């Protein structure tokens, strides 16, 4: 998947917004104001940083060399997923959905209710 595909898929999820809060080289994807993905646009390799539970992150890193820790986030909760031919579009979409769902699950009840109304 290229950056446009990653961005388009993220934007297709319910209630997602995007912004450039750090600089013009990072695209942040949020749901109800909470970040679930970061696309570093200045990297020559297409990559995306996603929220992931620690146990799953360890298993993914062991299975796929394309998944490595993201040091710009809390290492226990964020992982950088480097896209290369080993990871299919379907699997990348599943990783993005997982990150999105983790963030939605952690939202306060009122924000979840607002999201359901969209």
N, C-alpha and C. Protein backbone atom coordinates (compact mmCIF):
# COMPACT_ATOMS: atom_id res chain seq x y z
N UNK A 1 0.85 -1.19 0.00
CA UNK A 1 0.00 0.00 0.00
C UNK A 1 0.89 1.24 0.00
N UNK A 2 0.50 2.22 -0.76
CA UNK A 2 1.23 3.48 -0.74
C UNK A 2 0.55 4.46 0.22
N UNK A 3 1.10 5.65 0.38
CA UNK A 3 0.54 6.62 1.32
C UNK A 3 -0.92 6.95 1.02
N UNK A 4 -1.24 7.13 -0.24
CA UNK A 4 -2.62 7.46 -0.58
C UNK A 4 -3.57 6.35 -0.18
N UNK A 5 -3.18 5.11 -0.43
CA UNK A 5 -4.02 3.97 -0.04
C UNK A 5 -4.19 3.91 1.48
N UNK A 6 -3.08 4.11 2.21
CA UNK A 6 -3.16 4.10 3.67
C UNK A 6 -4.08 5.21 4.17
N UNK A 7 -3.89 6.40 3.64
CA UNK A 7 -4.72 7.54 4.03
C UNK A 7 -6.18 7.30 3.70
N UNK A 8 -6.45 6.85 2.50
CA UNK A 8 -7.84 6.62 2.08
C UNK A 8 -8.51 5.56 2.94
N UNK A 9 -7.79 4.50 3.27
CA UNK A 9 -8.39 3.47 4.11
C UNK A 9 -8.70 4.03 5.51
N UNK A 10 -7.74 4.75 6.09
CA UNK A 10 -7.97 5.35 7.41
C UNK A 10 -9.19 6.28 7.37
N UNK A 11 -9.27 7.10 6.35
CA UNK A 11 -10.36 8.06 6.24
C UNK A 11 -11.72 7.38 6.01
N UNK A 12 -11.70 6.14 5.55
CA UNK A 12 -12.96 5.43 5.32
C UNK A 12 -13.58 4.92 6.62
N UNK A 13 -12.82 4.93 7.71
CA UNK A 13 -13.33 4.47 8.99
C UNK A 13 -14.19 5.57 9.63
N UNK A 14 -15.16 5.17 10.39
CA UNK A 14 -16.14 6.08 10.97
C UNK A 14 -15.52 7.13 11.88
N UNK A 15 -15.81 8.41 11.61
CA UNK A 15 -15.41 9.50 12.48
C UNK A 15 -13.95 9.91 12.41
N UNK A 16 -13.22 9.49 11.39
CA UNK A 16 -11.79 9.78 11.30
C UNK A 16 -11.54 11.16 10.72
N UNK A 17 -10.59 11.86 11.34
CA UNK A 17 -10.11 13.14 10.83
C UNK A 17 -8.59 13.04 10.68
N UNK A 18 -8.03 13.97 9.93
CA UNK A 18 -6.58 13.99 9.74
C UNK A 18 -6.04 15.38 10.01
N UNK A 19 -4.77 15.45 10.38
CA UNK A 19 -4.15 16.75 10.63
C UNK A 19 -2.64 16.63 10.50
N UNK A 20 -1.98 17.77 10.49
CA UNK A 20 -0.52 17.86 10.44
C UNK A 20 -0.05 18.58 11.71
N UNK A 21 -0.22 17.99 12.89
CA UNK A 21 0.10 18.75 14.11
C UNK A 21 1.58 18.91 14.40
N UNK A 22 2.41 17.97 13.97
CA UNK A 22 3.83 18.04 14.30
C UNK A 22 4.57 18.92 13.30
N UNK A 23 4.39 18.65 12.05
CA UNK A 23 5.06 19.36 10.97
C UNK A 23 4.38 18.94 9.68
N UNK A 24 4.84 19.45 8.59
CA UNK A 24 4.22 19.10 7.31
C UNK A 24 4.65 17.73 6.80
N UNK A 25 5.47 17.04 7.58
CA UNK A 25 5.97 15.74 7.16
C UNK A 25 5.31 14.57 7.87
N UNK A 26 4.32 14.84 8.71
CA UNK A 26 3.62 13.79 9.44
C UNK A 26 2.11 14.00 9.31
N UNK A 27 1.42 12.96 8.95
CA UNK A 27 -0.03 13.00 8.84
C UNK A 27 -0.61 12.15 9.97
N UNK A 28 -1.38 12.79 10.84
CA UNK A 28 -1.95 12.10 11.99
C UNK A 28 -3.42 11.80 11.71
N UNK A 29 -3.79 10.54 11.98
CA UNK A 29 -5.18 10.10 11.81
C UNK A 29 -5.78 9.96 13.20
N UNK A 30 -6.96 10.57 13.40
CA UNK A 30 -7.60 10.55 14.72
C UNK A 30 -9.05 10.11 14.61
N UNK A 31 -9.53 9.53 15.70
CA UNK A 31 -10.96 9.25 15.84
C UNK A 31 -11.39 9.91 17.15
N UNK A 32 -12.40 10.78 17.06
CA UNK A 32 -12.87 11.54 18.22
C UNK A 32 -11.71 12.25 18.92
N UNK A 33 -10.77 12.76 18.14
CA UNK A 33 -9.65 13.53 18.67
C UNK A 33 -8.50 12.71 19.23
N UNK A 34 -8.60 11.39 19.19
CA UNK A 34 -7.56 10.51 19.72
C UNK A 34 -6.80 9.86 18.57
N UNK A 35 -5.49 9.97 18.60
CA UNK A 35 -4.65 9.47 17.51
C UNK A 35 -4.63 7.94 17.49
N UNK A 36 -4.81 7.36 16.29
CA UNK A 36 -4.68 5.92 16.13
C UNK A 36 -3.65 5.55 15.07
N UNK A 37 -3.20 6.52 14.28
CA UNK A 37 -2.19 6.23 13.25
C UNK A 37 -1.40 7.49 12.92
N UNK A 38 -0.13 7.27 12.58
CA UNK A 38 0.75 8.36 12.17
C UNK A 38 1.46 7.93 10.90
N UNK A 39 1.32 8.72 9.85
CA UNK A 39 2.01 8.46 8.60
C UNK A 39 3.16 9.45 8.47
N UNK A 40 4.42 9.02 8.68
CA UNK A 40 5.56 9.92 8.50
C UNK A 40 5.85 10.08 7.00
N UNK A 41 5.44 11.18 6.45
CA UNK A 41 5.49 11.40 5.00
C UNK A 41 6.90 11.67 4.47
N UNK A 42 7.85 11.97 5.34
CA UNK A 42 9.19 12.30 4.87
C UNK A 42 10.11 11.08 4.79
N UNK A 43 9.60 9.90 5.09
CA UNK A 43 10.41 8.69 5.03
C UNK A 43 10.36 8.09 3.63
N UNK A 44 11.49 7.69 3.08
CA UNK A 44 11.48 7.13 1.72
C UNK A 44 10.71 5.80 1.63
N UNK A 45 10.61 5.06 2.76
CA UNK A 45 9.83 3.84 2.76
C UNK A 45 8.43 4.17 3.25
N UNK A 46 7.43 3.63 2.60
CA UNK A 46 6.07 3.83 3.08
C UNK A 46 5.96 3.13 4.43
N UNK A 47 5.53 3.86 5.43
CA UNK A 47 5.37 3.28 6.76
C UNK A 47 4.21 3.93 7.47
N UNK A 48 3.75 3.27 8.52
CA UNK A 48 2.68 3.83 9.33
C UNK A 48 2.89 3.34 10.75
N UNK A 49 2.74 4.24 11.73
CA UNK A 49 2.82 3.87 13.14
C UNK A 49 1.40 3.66 13.63
N UNK A 50 1.18 2.51 14.28
CA UNK A 50 -0.16 2.13 14.71
C UNK A 50 -0.17 1.72 16.17
N UNK A 51 -1.30 1.93 16.82
CA UNK A 51 -1.47 1.46 18.19
C UNK A 51 -1.68 -0.05 18.15
N UNK A 52 -1.07 -0.74 19.10
CA UNK A 52 -1.17 -2.20 19.13
C UNK A 52 -0.96 -2.65 20.57
N UNK A 53 -1.74 -3.65 21.02
CA UNK A 53 -1.52 -4.13 22.38
C UNK A 53 -0.16 -4.82 22.43
N UNK A 54 0.52 -4.76 23.57
CA UNK A 54 1.90 -5.25 23.67
C UNK A 54 2.08 -6.72 23.28
N UNK A 55 1.18 -7.59 23.70
CA UNK A 55 1.32 -9.02 23.39
C UNK A 55 1.23 -9.26 21.88
N UNK A 56 0.27 -8.62 21.26
CA UNK A 56 0.11 -8.78 19.81
C UNK A 56 1.31 -8.19 19.08
N UNK A 57 1.83 -7.08 19.56
CA UNK A 57 2.99 -6.45 18.94
C UNK A 57 4.18 -7.40 18.94
N UNK A 58 4.41 -8.08 20.05
CA UNK A 58 5.52 -9.03 20.13
C UNK A 58 5.33 -10.14 19.12
N UNK A 59 4.13 -10.70 19.06
CA UNK A 59 3.85 -11.79 18.12
C UNK A 59 4.03 -11.33 16.68
N UNK A 60 3.57 -10.13 16.35
CA UNK A 60 3.71 -9.61 14.99
C UNK A 60 5.17 -9.41 14.63
N UNK A 61 5.94 -8.84 15.58
CA UNK A 61 7.37 -8.61 15.31
C UNK A 61 8.12 -9.92 15.09
N UNK A 62 7.71 -10.96 15.80
CA UNK A 62 8.35 -12.26 15.63
C UNK A 62 8.00 -12.89 14.29
N UNK A 63 6.77 -12.63 13.82
CA UNK A 63 6.32 -13.24 12.57
C UNK A 63 6.73 -12.47 11.32
N UNK A 64 6.75 -11.14 11.41
CA UNK A 64 7.01 -10.31 10.24
C UNK A 64 8.19 -9.39 10.49
N UNK A 65 9.21 -9.48 9.68
CA UNK A 65 10.34 -8.56 9.84
C UNK A 65 9.97 -7.15 9.42
N UNK A 66 8.80 -6.98 8.80
CA UNK A 66 8.35 -5.65 8.38
C UNK A 66 7.78 -4.85 9.53
N UNK A 67 7.65 -5.46 10.71
CA UNK A 67 7.08 -4.77 11.86
C UNK A 67 8.17 -4.57 12.90
N UNK A 68 8.43 -3.31 13.22
CA UNK A 68 9.48 -2.98 14.19
C UNK A 68 8.96 -1.93 15.17
N UNK A 69 9.61 -1.79 16.34
CA UNK A 69 9.15 -0.80 17.31
C UNK A 69 9.25 0.63 16.77
N UNK A 70 8.32 1.45 17.15
CA UNK A 70 8.37 2.88 16.82
C UNK A 70 8.89 3.59 18.06
N UNK A 71 10.05 4.19 17.95
CA UNK A 71 10.66 4.80 19.12
C UNK A 71 10.11 6.19 19.41
N UNK A 72 9.28 6.73 18.52
CA UNK A 72 8.71 8.06 18.75
C UNK A 72 7.44 7.99 19.59
N UNK A 73 7.02 6.77 19.99
CA UNK A 73 5.86 6.59 20.86
C UNK A 73 6.25 5.69 22.01
N UNK A 74 5.39 5.54 22.96
CA UNK A 74 5.59 4.62 24.07
C UNK A 74 5.77 3.23 23.48
N UNK A 75 6.93 2.64 23.69
CA UNK A 75 7.26 1.36 23.06
C UNK A 75 6.32 0.23 23.47
N UNK A 76 5.66 0.36 24.60
CA UNK A 76 4.75 -0.70 25.03
C UNK A 76 3.44 -0.68 24.26
N UNK A 77 3.12 0.42 23.64
CA UNK A 77 1.79 0.55 23.04
C UNK A 77 1.77 0.93 21.56
N UNK A 78 2.88 1.37 21.02
CA UNK A 78 2.90 1.77 19.62
C UNK A 78 3.96 0.98 18.87
N UNK A 79 3.66 0.66 17.64
CA UNK A 79 4.58 -0.11 16.81
C UNK A 79 4.56 0.46 15.42
N UNK A 80 5.73 0.50 14.80
CA UNK A 80 5.82 1.02 13.45
C UNK A 80 5.73 -0.16 12.50
N UNK A 81 4.80 -0.08 11.59
CA UNK A 81 4.58 -1.15 10.63
C UNK A 81 5.14 -0.69 9.29
N UNK A 82 6.23 -1.29 8.87
CA UNK A 82 6.85 -0.93 7.61
C UNK A 82 6.25 -1.77 6.50
N UNK A 83 5.69 -1.12 5.53
CA UNK A 83 5.00 -1.81 4.45
C UNK A 83 6.00 -2.24 3.39
N UNK A 84 6.04 -3.50 3.10
CA UNK A 84 6.80 -4.00 1.97
C UNK A 84 6.06 -5.24 1.45
N UNK A 85 6.50 -5.85 0.40
CA UNK A 85 5.71 -6.92 -0.25
C UNK A 85 5.26 -8.05 0.68
N UNK A 86 5.92 -8.23 1.80
CA UNK A 86 5.56 -9.30 2.72
C UNK A 86 4.16 -9.08 3.32
N UNK A 87 3.74 -7.83 3.45
CA UNK A 87 2.45 -7.54 4.09
C UNK A 87 1.43 -7.19 3.02
N UNK A 88 0.36 -7.95 3.00
CA UNK A 88 -0.69 -7.74 1.99
C UNK A 88 -1.55 -6.53 2.37
N UNK A 89 -2.27 -6.04 1.40
CA UNK A 89 -3.21 -4.94 1.63
C UNK A 89 -4.24 -5.32 2.68
N UNK A 90 -4.75 -6.54 2.60
CA UNK A 90 -5.78 -7.00 3.53
C UNK A 90 -5.24 -7.02 4.96
N UNK A 91 -3.98 -7.50 5.12
CA UNK A 91 -3.40 -7.56 6.45
C UNK A 91 -3.12 -6.15 6.98
N UNK A 92 -2.66 -5.26 6.13
CA UNK A 92 -2.41 -3.88 6.55
C UNK A 92 -3.73 -3.23 7.00
N UNK A 93 -4.80 -3.47 6.25
CA UNK A 93 -6.10 -2.92 6.64
C UNK A 93 -6.54 -3.48 7.98
N UNK A 94 -6.26 -4.76 8.23
CA UNK A 94 -6.61 -5.38 9.52
C UNK A 94 -5.82 -4.72 10.65
N UNK A 95 -4.53 -4.43 10.42
CA UNK A 95 -3.72 -3.76 11.44
C UNK A 95 -4.25 -2.35 11.73
N UNK A 96 -4.65 -1.64 10.70
CA UNK A 96 -5.21 -0.30 10.88
C UNK A 96 -6.53 -0.39 11.66
N UNK A 97 -7.39 -1.33 11.28
CA UNK A 97 -8.67 -1.52 12.00
C UNK A 97 -8.42 -1.86 13.47
N UNK A 98 -7.42 -2.69 13.73
CA UNK A 98 -7.09 -3.06 15.11
C UNK A 98 -6.70 -1.82 15.92
N UNK A 99 -5.86 -0.97 15.36
CA UNK A 99 -5.45 0.26 16.03
C UNK A 99 -6.65 1.17 16.28
N UNK A 100 -7.46 1.34 15.26
CA UNK A 100 -8.68 2.16 15.35
C UNK A 100 -9.59 1.62 16.46
N UNK A 101 -9.82 0.31 16.46
CA UNK A 101 -10.72 -0.30 17.45
C UNK A 101 -10.18 -0.18 18.87
N UNK A 102 -8.85 -0.27 19.05
CA UNK A 102 -8.26 -0.08 20.38
C UNK A 102 -8.55 1.32 20.89
N UNK A 103 -8.40 2.30 20.02
CA UNK A 103 -8.64 3.68 20.43
C UNK A 103 -10.12 3.90 20.72
N UNK A 104 -11.00 3.39 19.87
CA UNK A 104 -12.44 3.54 20.08
C UNK A 104 -12.85 2.87 21.40
N UNK A 105 -12.30 1.70 21.67
CA UNK A 105 -12.64 0.99 22.91
C UNK A 105 -12.25 1.79 24.15
N UNK A 106 -11.22 2.61 24.04
CA UNK A 106 -10.76 3.40 25.18
C UNK A 106 -11.43 4.77 25.31
N UNK A 107 -12.32 5.09 24.39
CA UNK A 107 -13.00 6.39 24.44
C UNK A 107 -14.00 6.43 25.59
N UNK A 108 -14.20 7.62 26.16
CA UNK A 108 -15.27 7.76 27.16
C UNK A 108 -16.63 7.45 26.51
N UNK A 109 -17.56 7.05 27.33
CA UNK A 109 -18.88 6.63 26.85
C UNK A 109 -19.55 7.68 25.96
N UNK A 110 -19.46 8.95 26.36
CA UNK A 110 -20.12 10.01 25.58
C UNK A 110 -19.52 10.14 24.18
N UNK A 111 -18.18 9.99 24.08
CA UNK A 111 -17.54 10.07 22.74
C UNK A 111 -17.91 8.86 21.89
N UNK A 112 -18.03 7.69 22.52
CA UNK A 112 -18.46 6.49 21.77
C UNK A 112 -19.88 6.69 21.26
N UNK A 113 -20.74 7.25 22.09
CA UNK A 113 -22.12 7.50 21.67
C UNK A 113 -22.16 8.51 20.52
N UNK A 114 -21.35 9.56 20.59
CA UNK A 114 -21.28 10.53 19.50
C UNK A 114 -20.80 9.86 18.20
N UNK A 115 -19.85 8.97 18.32
CA UNK A 115 -19.33 8.26 17.16
C UNK A 115 -20.40 7.38 16.52
N UNK A 116 -21.21 6.75 17.33
CA UNK A 116 -22.30 5.89 16.82
C UNK A 116 -23.34 6.70 16.05
N UNK A 117 -23.49 7.97 16.38
CA UNK A 117 -24.47 8.84 15.71
C UNK A 117 -24.02 9.25 14.31
N UNK A 118 -22.72 9.11 14.02
CA UNK A 118 -22.20 9.53 12.70
C UNK A 118 -22.65 8.59 11.62
